[in-house]
């Protein structure tokens, strides 16, 4: 990593929104199985393997460097005191050393903030589990990474055979500092380019020089360069944004679209309250091929099946509590903006709100309703994609301090208890590898996501596909859902109900057999 790379506004927002009750890191609970003839020390082997590959993911050795007085976004700088023993730990799992115990400990550990004085990631290895299994809990701050970049990081950590691949060692790079005259020359070149190229081409390619230093004068200079770049990019993107505005206005003017907007309004529920600093976590798995077959039968997508399963679980739980809203609940669904092959360690995501038909009793009708609603939500949100590159990187001097104060005020004031919820739950689906993976000779069996619960959105259900399975991770504020395992246990039953709803009638099956 170079001398310093300033965080984008979207990446930095995860730092500013973080409070003791609302940690902003994401992670996973991976389950491995050691070979029967394994005689080595898995923890030491795993740590040595990660140490040899750190250069493949420079963000793992980068720490935050704050701007003076928090007047601008912080930067990533290489940690010259990096010590891998402060990031990979051998953890202890009490009896009975099973997955349920591991899940409870992961929930407890996920509530703890990362140390911002060091690179923002930690791995915990739990040995001695039943059936020769190993547990690995990992967490990394969301300012570093989103789901797409997390999948790229997975490729760095894991191998496709029990024998770890050899990775070329890093090549030494000499640090080059720009002289003031170089900065001035680059600035003149950029100014000339601004007037000699078409505006749309300039908007795509303009890159003004930066000092890369952390004193106030340099920060003000760099921010001025950034504001000029942003203005030029904004001007170059005006045609595309005007088209998006026109599309949005047309949709709002359409009576059917107004009905869609109404369906995306979220009713208040017991899941939309302020959360405590404790977490409850649980994981479960279902068949990926069966879920895809169900999506094909219903005429929808895999995401629709995931939403239907989340809807069924939440509906059943709230019915048991006597707290199911009469109006359909909604889900906040992140959508990746990451292009194929882009493995940059940053956030490239926006989201949509989708009705999940919790007011529909029949599982088949519920899934069909969700398919229709998700299609409408995608149509409503699609024109907004053009705005995201502009909105996600807005920079304003003094914003870091202001946003942090507002985030703390929002959490401590309990506003999420009284304001209408933006959505009722968060549901995310992250595609993963289909082939079997290994780490330090151990076979990866499962990788359950451990995501973020926030004030007003106490329940997060994130799904990771791996091999022929979908691994669901349920994370919740423990003051709202102290035993999220109850919901997790309902998911296989909801999946069986959905499959049964789409199964051919018994008479048809007998006729086909004859």
Protein backbone atom coordinates (compact mmCIF):
# COMPACT_ATOMS: atom_id res chain seq x y z
CA UNK A 1 0.00 0.00 0.00
CA UNK A 2 1.26 3.45 -0.83
CA UNK A 3 1.86 6.45 1.41
CA UNK A 4 -1.84 6.94 2.05
CA UNK A 5 -5.17 6.29 0.36
CA UNK A 6 -8.11 8.37 1.52
CA UNK A 7 -11.32 6.50 2.22
CA UNK A 8 -14.33 7.18 0.03
CA UNK A 9 -17.34 8.79 1.68
CA UNK A 10 -19.20 5.46 1.60
CA UNK A 11 -16.33 3.54 3.19
CA UNK A 12 -15.76 6.25 5.81
CA UNK A 13 -19.47 6.36 6.69
CA UNK A 14 -19.13 2.92 8.31
CA UNK A 15 -16.57 4.43 10.68
CA UNK A 16 -18.68 7.47 11.49
CA UNK A 17 -21.87 5.48 12.12
CA UNK A 18 -20.14 3.09 14.51
CA UNK A 19 -21.05 3.33 18.19
CA UNK A 20 -20.50 0.93 21.13
CA UNK A 21 -24.02 -0.43 20.53
CA UNK A 22 -23.59 -0.64 16.76
CA UNK A 23 -20.23 -2.12 15.65
CA UNK A 24 -19.73 -1.84 11.90
CA UNK A 25 -17.68 -4.94 11.14
CA UNK A 26 -18.73 -7.98 9.12
CA UNK A 27 -17.44 -11.50 9.44
CA UNK A 28 -18.04 -15.21 9.14
CA UNK A 29 -18.08 -18.39 11.16
CA UNK A 30 -16.31 -21.03 9.08
CA UNK A 31 -16.32 -24.74 9.95
CA UNK A 32 -13.39 -26.94 8.82
CA UNK A 33 -12.68 -30.64 9.12
CA UNK A 34 -9.14 -31.89 9.61
CA UNK A 35 -7.97 -35.07 7.85
CA UNK A 36 -7.90 -38.16 10.06
CA UNK A 37 -4.11 -38.39 9.69
CA UNK A 38 -3.49 -34.69 10.50
CA UNK A 39 -0.62 -34.48 12.99
CA UNK A 40 0.46 -30.85 12.69
CA UNK A 41 -0.65 -27.71 14.59
CA UNK A 42 -3.51 -26.21 12.56
CA UNK A 43 -3.36 -22.83 14.30
CA UNK A 44 0.35 -22.34 13.58
CA UNK A 45 0.00 -23.66 10.02
CA UNK A 46 -2.95 -21.35 9.32
CA UNK A 47 -1.18 -18.33 10.79
CA UNK A 48 1.99 -19.02 8.77
CA UNK A 49 -0.07 -19.41 5.59
CA UNK A 50 -1.85 -16.06 6.11
CA UNK A 51 1.46 -14.36 6.92
CA UNK A 52 2.93 -15.57 3.62
CA UNK A 53 -0.03 -14.14 1.65
CA UNK A 54 -0.58 -10.76 3.30
CA UNK A 55 0.85 -8.95 0.28
CA UNK A 56 -2.02 -10.31 -1.85
CA UNK A 57 -4.44 -8.19 0.21
CA UNK A 58 -2.64 -4.95 1.21
CA UNK A 59 -5.68 -3.79 3.22
CA UNK A 60 -4.73 -6.42 5.84
CA UNK A 61 -1.64 -4.42 6.75
CA UNK A 62 -3.27 -0.98 6.54
CA UNK A 63 -4.33 1.05 9.55
CA UNK A 64 -6.33 4.25 9.76
CA UNK A 65 -4.67 7.64 9.92
CA UNK A 66 -7.08 10.37 10.97
CA UNK A 67 -7.05 13.84 9.48
CA UNK A 68 -6.18 16.65 11.93
CA UNK A 69 -9.28 17.71 13.90
CA UNK A 70 -11.31 15.16 11.87
CA UNK A 71 -11.85 17.78 9.16
CA UNK A 72 -11.70 15.21 6.35
CA UNK A 73 -11.95 11.47 5.78
CA UNK A 74 -9.13 9.35 7.24
CA UNK A 75 -6.62 7.52 5.05
CA UNK A 76 -5.30 3.98 4.88
CA UNK A 77 -1.57 3.86 5.58
CA UNK A 78 0.72 0.87 5.94
CA UNK A 79 1.16 -0.17 9.57
CA UNK A 80 4.91 -0.11 10.14
CA UNK A 81 4.40 -1.92 13.49
CA UNK A 82 2.22 -4.69 12.07
CA UNK A 83 2.26 -7.86 14.18
CA UNK A 84 0.24 -10.84 12.97
CA UNK A 85 0.01 -12.15 16.55
CA UNK A 86 -2.31 -9.21 17.27
CA UNK A 87 -4.72 -10.36 14.57
CA UNK A 88 -4.81 -14.18 14.61
CA UNK A 89 -5.63 -15.78 17.96
CA UNK A 90 -5.99 -19.29 19.35
CA UNK A 91 -9.39 -19.28 21.09
CA UNK A 92 -10.87 -21.61 23.68
CA UNK A 93 -14.24 -23.34 23.29
CA UNK A 94 -15.85 -24.64 26.51
CA UNK A 95 -17.70 -27.97 26.79
CA UNK A 96 -19.53 -29.47 25.01
CA UNK A 97 -17.40 -27.89 22.23
CA UNK A 98 -20.14 -28.09 19.61
CA UNK A 99 -21.43 -25.67 16.98
CA UNK A 100 -24.17 -24.31 19.24
CA UNK A 101 -21.55 -23.28 21.79
CA UNK A 102 -19.41 -21.75 19.03
CA UNK A 103 -22.41 -19.75 17.76
CA UNK A 104 -23.05 -18.28 21.21
CA UNK A 105 -19.40 -17.25 21.55
CA UNK A 106 -19.36 -15.77 18.03
CA UNK A 107 -22.40 -13.68 18.92
CA UNK A 108 -20.65 -12.41 22.04
CA UNK A 109 -17.37 -11.67 20.19
CA UNK A 110 -19.10 -9.96 17.26
CA UNK A 111 -20.41 -7.30 19.64
CA UNK A 112 -16.86 -6.15 20.49
CA UNK A 113 -15.37 -3.19 18.62
CA UNK A 114 -12.16 -3.58 16.63
CA UNK A 115 -9.11 -1.64 17.76
CA UNK A 116 -8.70 1.32 15.37
CA UNK A 117 -5.02 1.70 16.28
CA UNK A 118 -4.33 -1.47 14.27
CA UNK A 119 -5.47 -2.90 10.92
CA UNK A 120 -9.18 -3.54 11.27
CA UNK A 121 -9.44 -7.35 11.17
CA UNK A 122 -9.13 -10.35 13.50
CA UNK A 123 -9.24 -14.17 13.16
CA UNK A 124 -10.02 -16.58 16.02
CA UNK A 125 -9.26 -20.30 15.66
CA UNK A 126 -11.31 -22.73 17.81
CA UNK A 127 -9.73 -26.19 17.98
CA UNK A 128 -10.87 -29.41 19.63
CA UNK A 129 -14.46 -29.47 18.33
CA UNK A 130 -16.40 -32.69 17.80
CA UNK A 131 -15.88 -34.81 14.67
CA UNK A 132 -12.39 -33.39 14.11
CA UNK A 133 -13.86 -29.98 13.28
CA UNK A 134 -12.19 -26.57 13.57
CA UNK A 135 -14.08 -23.29 13.97
CA UNK A 136 -12.78 -20.03 12.51
CA UNK A 137 -14.43 -16.75 13.43
CA UNK A 138 -13.23 -13.80 11.35
CA UNK A 139 -14.24 -10.17 11.39
CA UNK A 140 -13.22 -7.17 9.31
CA UNK A 141 -14.50 -3.62 9.42
CA UNK A 142 -17.07 -2.73 6.77
CA UNK A 143 -14.98 0.36 5.96
CA UNK A 144 -12.49 -2.07 4.38
CA UNK A 145 -14.71 -4.39 2.50
CA UNK A 146 -18.14 -5.35 1.14
CA UNK A 147 -19.53 -8.75 0.18
CA UNK A 148 -17.92 -8.73 -3.26
CA UNK A 149 -14.48 -7.83 -1.95
CA UNK A 150 -14.99 -10.38 0.84
CA UNK A 151 -15.39 -13.10 -1.76
CA UNK A 152 -12.11 -11.93 -3.34
CA UNK A 153 -10.44 -12.13 0.07
CA UNK A 154 -11.77 -15.68 0.39
CA UNK A 155 -9.84 -16.56 -2.75
CA UNK A 156 -6.67 -15.23 -1.13
CA UNK A 157 -7.12 -17.26 2.06
CA UNK A 158 -8.33 -20.59 0.67
CA UNK A 159 -6.94 -23.19 -1.71
CA UNK A 160 -8.67 -25.65 -4.03
CA UNK A 161 -6.63 -28.62 -2.80
CA UNK A 162 -5.52 -29.86 0.64
CA UNK A 163 -1.95 -28.89 -0.26
CA UNK A 164 -1.58 -25.10 0.05
CA UNK A 165 -0.44 -23.43 -3.17
CA UNK A 166 2.89 -21.67 -3.25
CA UNK A 167 2.56 -17.88 -3.42
CA UNK A 168 5.32 -15.71 -4.81
CA UNK A 169 6.82 -13.48 -2.09
CA UNK A 170 6.24 -9.73 -2.34
CA UNK A 171 8.63 -7.63 -4.39
CA UNK A 172 10.16 -4.63 -2.67
CA UNK A 173 8.83 -1.30 -3.89
CA UNK A 174 10.67 1.92 -3.37
CA UNK A 175 8.55 4.73 -1.93
CA UNK A 176 8.43 7.71 -4.23
CA UNK A 177 7.39 11.06 -2.79
CA UNK A 178 6.22 13.77 -5.13
CA UNK A 179 8.15 17.01 -5.15
CA UNK A 180 6.17 20.28 -5.16
CA UNK A 181 7.31 20.95 -8.74
CA UNK A 182 5.99 17.51 -9.82
CA UNK A 183 2.62 18.28 -8.26
CA UNK A 184 2.51 21.62 -10.06
CA UNK A 185 3.45 20.02 -13.40
CA UNK A 186 0.75 17.34 -13.01
CA UNK A 187 -1.77 20.02 -12.16
CA UNK A 188 -0.95 21.94 -15.36
CA UNK A 189 -1.21 18.72 -17.41
CA UNK A 190 -4.62 18.01 -15.94
CA UNK A 191 -5.75 21.59 -16.61
CA UNK A 192 -4.69 21.29 -20.25
CA UNK A 193 -6.48 17.94 -20.54
CA UNK A 194 -9.65 19.55 -19.17
CA UNK A 195 -9.82 21.95 -22.12
CA UNK A 196 -8.57 19.69 -24.93
CA UNK A 197 -10.80 16.61 -24.39
CA UNK A 198 -14.59 16.25 -24.60
CA UNK A 199 -16.26 16.73 -21.23
CA UNK A 200 -17.52 13.15 -20.93
CA UNK A 201 -14.05 11.74 -21.68
CA UNK A 202 -12.45 14.16 -19.21
CA UNK A 203 -14.97 13.18 -16.55
CA UNK A 204 -13.92 9.56 -16.85
CA UNK A 205 -10.18 10.13 -16.88
CA UNK A 206 -9.49 13.29 -14.86
CA UNK A 207 -7.14 12.68 -11.95
CA UNK A 208 -5.63 15.75 -10.32
CA UNK A 209 -2.42 15.47 -8.28
CA UNK A 210 -2.45 14.98 -4.52
CA UNK A 211 0.16 15.80 -1.92
CA UNK A 212 -0.67 12.63 0.04
CA UNK A 213 0.39 14.28 3.29
CA UNK A 214 -1.55 14.66 6.53
CA UNK A 215 -0.86 18.25 7.60
CA UNK A 216 -3.78 20.70 7.43
CA UNK A 217 -2.39 22.60 4.45
CA UNK A 218 -1.99 19.42 2.41
CA UNK A 219 -5.44 18.21 3.41
CA UNK A 220 -7.00 21.49 2.25
CA UNK A 221 -5.08 21.28 -1.05
CA UNK A 222 -6.06 17.64 -1.62
CA UNK A 223 -9.68 18.39 -0.79
CA UNK A 224 -9.70 21.29 -3.27
CA UNK A 225 -8.36 18.95 -5.97
CA UNK A 226 -11.02 16.44 -5.10
CA UNK A 227 -13.80 19.04 -5.29
CA UNK A 228 -12.61 20.05 -8.78
CA UNK A 229 -12.54 16.38 -9.89
CA UNK A 230 -16.01 15.83 -8.47
CA UNK A 231 -17.40 18.89 -10.23
CA UNK A 232 -15.96 17.80 -13.57
CA UNK A 233 -17.23 14.22 -13.14
CA UNK A 234 -20.63 15.54 -12.11
CA UNK A 235 -20.81 17.77 -15.19
CA UNK A 236 -19.75 14.89 -17.43
CA UNK A 237 -22.43 12.64 -15.94
CA UNK A 238 -25.27 15.18 -16.19
CA UNK A 239 -26.80 13.58 -19.34
CA UNK A 240 -26.99 10.17 -17.68
CA UNK A 241 -28.33 11.60 -14.42
CA UNK A 242 -30.95 13.69 -16.24
CA UNK A 243 -32.16 10.51 -17.93
CA UNK A 244 -32.34 8.84 -14.50
CA UNK A 245 -34.31 11.78 -13.10
CA UNK A 246 -36.68 11.56 -16.06
CA UNK A 247 -37.14 7.81 -15.47
CA UNK A 248 -37.82 8.35 -11.76
CA UNK A 249 -40.38 11.11 -12.47
CA UNK A 250 -42.09 8.90 -15.05
CA UNK A 251 -42.33 6.02 -12.60
CA UNK A 252 -43.67 8.23 -9.80
CA UNK A 253 -46.28 9.62 -12.19
CA UNK A 254 -47.45 6.11 -13.08
CA UNK A 255 -50.34 5.01 -10.78
CA UNK A 256 -49.00 1.42 -10.71
CA UNK A 257 -45.59 2.69 -9.57
CA UNK A 258 -47.23 4.72 -6.82
CA UNK A 259 -48.79 1.47 -5.61
CA UNK A 260 -45.30 -0.06 -5.60
CA UNK A 261 -44.00 2.81 -3.49
CA UNK A 262 -46.86 2.29 -1.05
CA UNK A 263 -45.97 -1.41 -0.77
CA UNK A 264 -42.41 -0.43 0.16
CA UNK A 265 -43.59 1.54 3.20
CA UNK A 266 -42.60 -0.41 6.32
CA UNK A 267 -44.99 -1.01 9.23
CA UNK A 268 -43.66 -0.65 12.79
CA UNK A 269 -42.76 -3.94 14.49
CA UNK A 270 -41.02 -5.30 17.57
CA UNK A 271 -37.91 -5.86 15.40
CA UNK A 272 -37.52 -2.12 14.72
CA UNK A 273 -36.23 -0.80 18.03
CA UNK A 274 -32.95 0.47 19.47
CA UNK A 275 -30.50 -2.36 20.06
CA UNK A 276 -28.09 -3.04 22.91
CA UNK A 277 -24.37 -3.77 22.66
CA UNK A 278 -24.98 -7.55 22.78
CA UNK A 279 -25.58 -9.91 19.86
CA UNK A 280 -27.28 -13.24 19.27
CA UNK A 281 -26.05 -15.40 16.38
CA UNK A 282 -27.04 -18.70 14.75
CA UNK A 283 -26.47 -20.45 11.43
CA UNK A 284 -28.14 -23.13 9.31
CA UNK A 285 -27.85 -24.58 5.79
CA UNK A 286 -30.14 -25.76 2.99
CA UNK A 287 -29.50 -27.27 -0.44
CA UNK A 288 -28.50 -24.76 -3.14
CA UNK A 289 -29.60 -26.97 -6.04
CA UNK A 290 -33.03 -27.50 -4.46
CA UNK A 291 -33.40 -23.77 -3.82
CA UNK A 292 -32.52 -23.06 -7.47
CA UNK A 293 -35.01 -25.68 -8.63
CA UNK A 294 -37.66 -23.99 -6.51
CA UNK A 295 -36.79 -20.62 -8.04
CA UNK A 296 -37.11 -22.08 -11.52
CA UNK A 297 -40.47 -23.68 -10.71
CA UNK A 298 -41.84 -20.42 -9.36
CA UNK A 299 -40.54 -18.32 -12.26
CA UNK A 300 -38.35 -16.25 -9.93
CA UNK A 301 -34.72 -15.91 -8.91
CA UNK A 302 -32.69 -17.46 -6.11
CA UNK A 303 -32.89 -14.11 -4.28
CA UNK A 304 -36.69 -14.37 -4.32
CA UNK A 305 -36.53 -17.79 -2.65
CA UNK A 306 -34.16 -16.39 -0.01
CA UNK A 307 -36.58 -13.51 0.64
CA UNK A 308 -39.51 -15.94 0.86
CA UNK A 309 -37.66 -18.08 3.42
CA UNK A 310 -36.78 -14.99 5.49
CA UNK A 311 -40.41 -13.86 5.24
CA UNK A 312 -41.73 -17.23 6.36
CA UNK A 313 -39.39 -17.36 9.35
CA UNK A 314 -40.19 -13.81 10.50
CA UNK A 315 -43.93 -14.32 9.94
CA UNK A 316 -43.97 -17.54 11.98
CA UNK A 317 -41.95 -16.01 14.83
CA UNK A 318 -44.08 -12.85 15.07
CA UNK A 319 -47.28 -14.91 14.96
CA UNK A 320 -46.01 -16.87 17.96
CA UNK A 321 -45.31 -13.57 19.73
CA UNK A 322 -48.72 -12.18 18.76
CA UNK A 323 -46.93 -9.26 17.08
CA UNK A 324 -47.31 -9.75 13.31
CA UNK A 325 -48.21 -6.43 11.61
CA UNK A 326 -51.36 -6.48 9.45
CA UNK A 327 -49.44 -4.77 6.60
CA UNK A 328 -46.69 -6.64 4.78
CA UNK A 329 -43.24 -6.15 6.25
CA UNK A 330 -40.26 -5.12 4.12
CA UNK A 331 -36.61 -6.08 3.70
CA UNK A 332 -33.62 -3.89 2.96
CA UNK A 333 -31.72 -5.74 0.22
CA UNK A 334 -28.14 -4.66 -0.64
CA UNK A 335 -27.30 -4.67 -4.36
CA UNK A 336 -23.69 -4.87 -5.53
CA UNK A 337 -22.40 -2.30 -8.04
CA UNK A 338 -19.12 -4.22 -8.35
CA UNK A 339 -18.21 -5.14 -11.91
CA UNK A 340 -17.02 -8.67 -12.64
CA UNK A 341 -13.31 -9.03 -11.89
CA UNK A 342 -13.23 -5.97 -9.59
CA UNK A 343 -11.56 -7.11 -6.36
CA UNK A 344 -10.77 -3.69 -4.85
CA UNK A 345 -11.03 -3.66 -1.05
CA UNK A 346 -13.78 -1.07 -0.73
CA UNK A 347 -17.57 -0.77 -0.78
CA UNK A 348 -19.45 -0.69 -4.08
CA UNK A 349 -23.05 -1.24 -3.09
CA UNK A 350 -26.45 0.35 -2.82
CA UNK A 351 -29.80 -1.12 -1.86
CA UNK A 352 -33.52 -1.44 -2.42
CA UNK A 353 -36.57 -1.91 -0.21
CA UNK A 354 -38.77 -4.89 -1.05
CA UNK A 355 -42.12 -6.02 0.37
CA UNK A 356 -41.81 -9.62 1.66
CA UNK A 357 -45.53 -10.50 1.89
CA UNK A 358 -45.62 -11.45 5.58
CA UNK A 359 -49.37 -10.79 5.44
CA UNK A 360 -49.84 -13.74 3.05
CA UNK A 361 -50.45 -17.10 4.73
CA UNK A 362 -50.05 -19.51 1.80
CA UNK A 363 -46.30 -20.17 1.12
CA UNK A 364 -46.76 -20.49 -2.65
CA UNK A 365 -48.81 -17.31 -2.93
CA UNK A 366 -46.29 -15.56 -0.66
CA UNK A 367 -43.36 -16.46 -2.95
CA UNK A 368 -45.31 -15.39 -6.06
CA UNK A 369 -46.15 -12.08 -4.37
CA UNK A 370 -42.49 -11.56 -3.44
CA UNK A 371 -41.39 -12.25 -7.04
CA UNK A 372 -43.80 -9.57 -8.30
CA UNK A 373 -42.80 -7.10 -5.58
CA UNK A 374 -39.04 -7.61 -6.02
CA UNK A 375 -39.39 -7.03 -9.77
CA UNK A 376 -41.18 -3.73 -9.09
CA UNK A 377 -38.57 -2.73 -6.49
CA UNK A 378 -35.74 -3.39 -8.94
CA UNK A 379 -37.51 -1.30 -11.58
CA UNK A 380 -37.96 1.54 -9.09
CA UNK A 381 -34.38 1.44 -7.83
CA UNK A 382 -32.61 0.87 -11.17
CA UNK A 383 -32.67 4.55 -12.29
CA UNK A 384 -31.01 5.53 -9.02
CA UNK A 385 -27.89 3.47 -9.80
CA UNK A 386 -26.50 6.32 -11.93
CA UNK A 387 -26.49 8.60 -8.87
CA UNK A 388 -24.58 6.23 -6.59
CA UNK A 389 -21.03 6.97 -7.85
CA UNK A 390 -21.74 10.67 -7.21
CA UNK A 391 -23.50 10.27 -3.86
CA UNK A 392 -21.14 7.62 -2.46
CA UNK A 393 -18.11 9.87 -2.63
CA UNK A 394 -19.38 13.28 -1.52
CA UNK A 395 -16.70 14.98 0.56
CA UNK A 396 -17.27 17.93 2.86
CA UNK A 397 -14.74 19.35 5.27
CA UNK A 398 -15.86 18.79 8.85
CA UNK A 399 -18.30 16.02 7.90
CA UNK A 400 -16.54 13.26 9.92
CA UNK A 401 -17.07 15.00 13.26
CA UNK A 402 -20.64 16.03 12.41
CA UNK A 403 -21.75 12.57 11.28
CA UNK A 404 -20.21 10.87 14.33
CA UNK A 405 -22.04 13.24 16.69
CA UNK A 406 -25.33 12.66 14.85
CA UNK A 407 -24.87 8.86 14.91
CA UNK A 408 -24.23 8.91 18.66
CA UNK A 409 -27.24 11.19 19.21
CA UNK A 410 -29.50 8.93 17.14
CA UNK A 411 -28.50 5.84 19.10
CA UNK A 412 -28.66 7.36 22.58
CA UNK A 413 -31.91 9.27 22.00
CA UNK A 414 -33.90 6.16 21.08
CA UNK A 415 -35.25 7.80 17.93
CA UNK A 416 -35.45 4.42 16.19
CA UNK A 417 -38.11 3.44 18.74
CA UNK A 418 -40.47 6.20 17.59
CA UNK A 419 -39.58 6.96 13.96
CA UNK A 420 -41.19 4.92 11.15
CA UNK A 421 -38.76 2.17 10.08
CA UNK A 422 -37.08 2.41 6.67
CA UNK A 423 -37.30 -1.40 6.46
CA UNK A 424 -38.14 -4.17 8.91
CA UNK A 425 -35.26 -6.60 8.37
CA UNK A 426 -32.07 -6.82 6.30
CA UNK A 427 -31.64 -9.72 3.88
CA UNK A 428 -28.47 -10.16 1.81
CA UNK A 429 -27.32 -12.93 -0.54
CA UNK A 430 -23.60 -13.21 -1.32
CA UNK A 431 -22.57 -15.64 -4.10
CA UNK A 432 -19.65 -17.87 -3.21
CA UNK A 433 -17.48 -20.61 -4.74
CA UNK A 434 -18.97 -23.90 -5.94
CA UNK A 435 -15.80 -25.98 -5.57
CA UNK A 436 -14.48 -27.41 -2.30
CA UNK A 437 -11.99 -25.13 -0.55
CA UNK A 438 -9.22 -25.84 1.94
CA UNK A 439 -7.13 -23.86 4.40
CA UNK A 440 -3.83 -25.18 5.76
CA UNK A 441 -4.88 -28.71 4.79
CA UNK A 442 -8.35 -28.60 6.40
CA UNK A 443 -11.52 -28.94 4.30
CA UNK A 444 -13.97 -26.04 4.50
CA UNK A 445 -17.45 -27.41 5.34
CA UNK A 446 -19.46 -24.23 5.92
CA UNK A 447 -19.02 -20.47 5.89
CA UNK A 448 -21.84 -18.78 7.80
CA UNK A 449 -21.95 -14.97 7.33
CA UNK A 450 -21.97 -12.79 10.46
CA UNK A 451 -23.21 -9.34 9.46
CA UNK A 452 -24.48 -6.13 11.08
CA UNK A 453 -27.54 -5.37 13.22
CA UNK A 454 -28.38 -1.68 13.59
CA UNK A 455 -30.72 0.58 15.52
CA UNK A 456 -34.15 0.15 13.93
CA UNK A 457 -33.04 -3.00 12.04
CA UNK A 458 -32.41 -5.51 14.80
CA UNK A 459 -32.40 -8.61 12.55
CA UNK A 460 -29.98 -9.29 9.70
CA UNK A 461 -30.16 -12.48 7.63
CA UNK A 462 -27.19 -12.92 5.30
CA UNK A 463 -26.68 -15.91 3.01
CA UNK A 464 -23.45 -17.25 1.50
CA UNK A 465 -23.49 -19.95 -1.17
CA UNK A 466 -20.77 -22.60 -1.03
CA UNK A 467 -20.58 -25.87 -2.97
CA UNK A 468 -24.19 -27.13 -3.14
CA UNK A 469 -25.43 -25.36 -0.05
CA UNK A 470 -26.74 -22.01 1.15
CA UNK A 471 -25.28 -21.08 4.54
CA UNK A 472 -27.58 -18.70 6.43
CA UNK A 473 -26.24 -16.45 9.19
CA UNK A 474 -28.79 -14.85 11.57
CA UNK A 475 -27.45 -11.94 13.67
CA UNK A 476 -29.67 -9.85 15.96
CA UNK A 477 -29.59 -7.36 18.81
CA UNK A 478 -29.82 -9.63 21.86
CA UNK A 479 -32.18 -7.25 23.68
CA UNK A 480 -34.69 -7.71 20.82
CA UNK A 481 -34.03 -11.37 19.88
CA UNK A 482 -32.07 -12.98 22.74
CA UNK A 483 -32.31 -16.44 21.14
CA UNK A 484 -32.13 -15.96 17.37
CA UNK A 485 -31.57 -19.73 17.13
CA UNK A 486 -35.36 -20.04 17.42
CA UNK A 487 -35.78 -18.30 14.04
CA UNK A 488 -32.85 -20.19 12.56
CA UNK A 489 -34.46 -23.54 13.45
CA UNK A 490 -37.62 -22.50 11.60
CA UNK A 491 -35.87 -22.03 8.26
CA UNK A 492 -35.52 -25.70 7.17
CA UNK A 493 -39.22 -26.16 8.01
CA UNK A 494 -40.17 -23.12 5.89
CA UNK A 495 -38.06 -24.48 3.04
CA UNK A 496 -39.87 -27.85 3.25
CA UNK A 497 -43.25 -26.04 3.16
CA UNK A 498 -42.23 -24.10 0.04
CA UNK A 499 -41.04 -27.25 -1.71
CA UNK A 500 -44.25 -29.05 -0.78
CA UNK A 501 -46.29 -26.13 -2.16
CA UNK A 502 -44.64 -26.57 -5.58
CA UNK A 503 -44.59 -30.37 -5.56
CA UNK A 504 -46.82 -31.99 -8.23
CA UNK A 505 -50.13 -33.41 -6.99
CA UNK A 506 -49.91 -37.01 -5.78
CA UNK A 507 -52.19 -38.22 -8.58
CA UNK A 508 -49.82 -36.75 -11.20
CA UNK A 509 -46.86 -38.49 -9.56
CA UNK A 510 -48.67 -41.86 -9.62
CA UNK A 511 -49.67 -41.36 -13.26
CA UNK A 512 -46.09 -40.60 -14.26
CA UNK A 513 -44.90 -43.72 -12.42
CA UNK A 514 -47.40 -45.92 -14.27
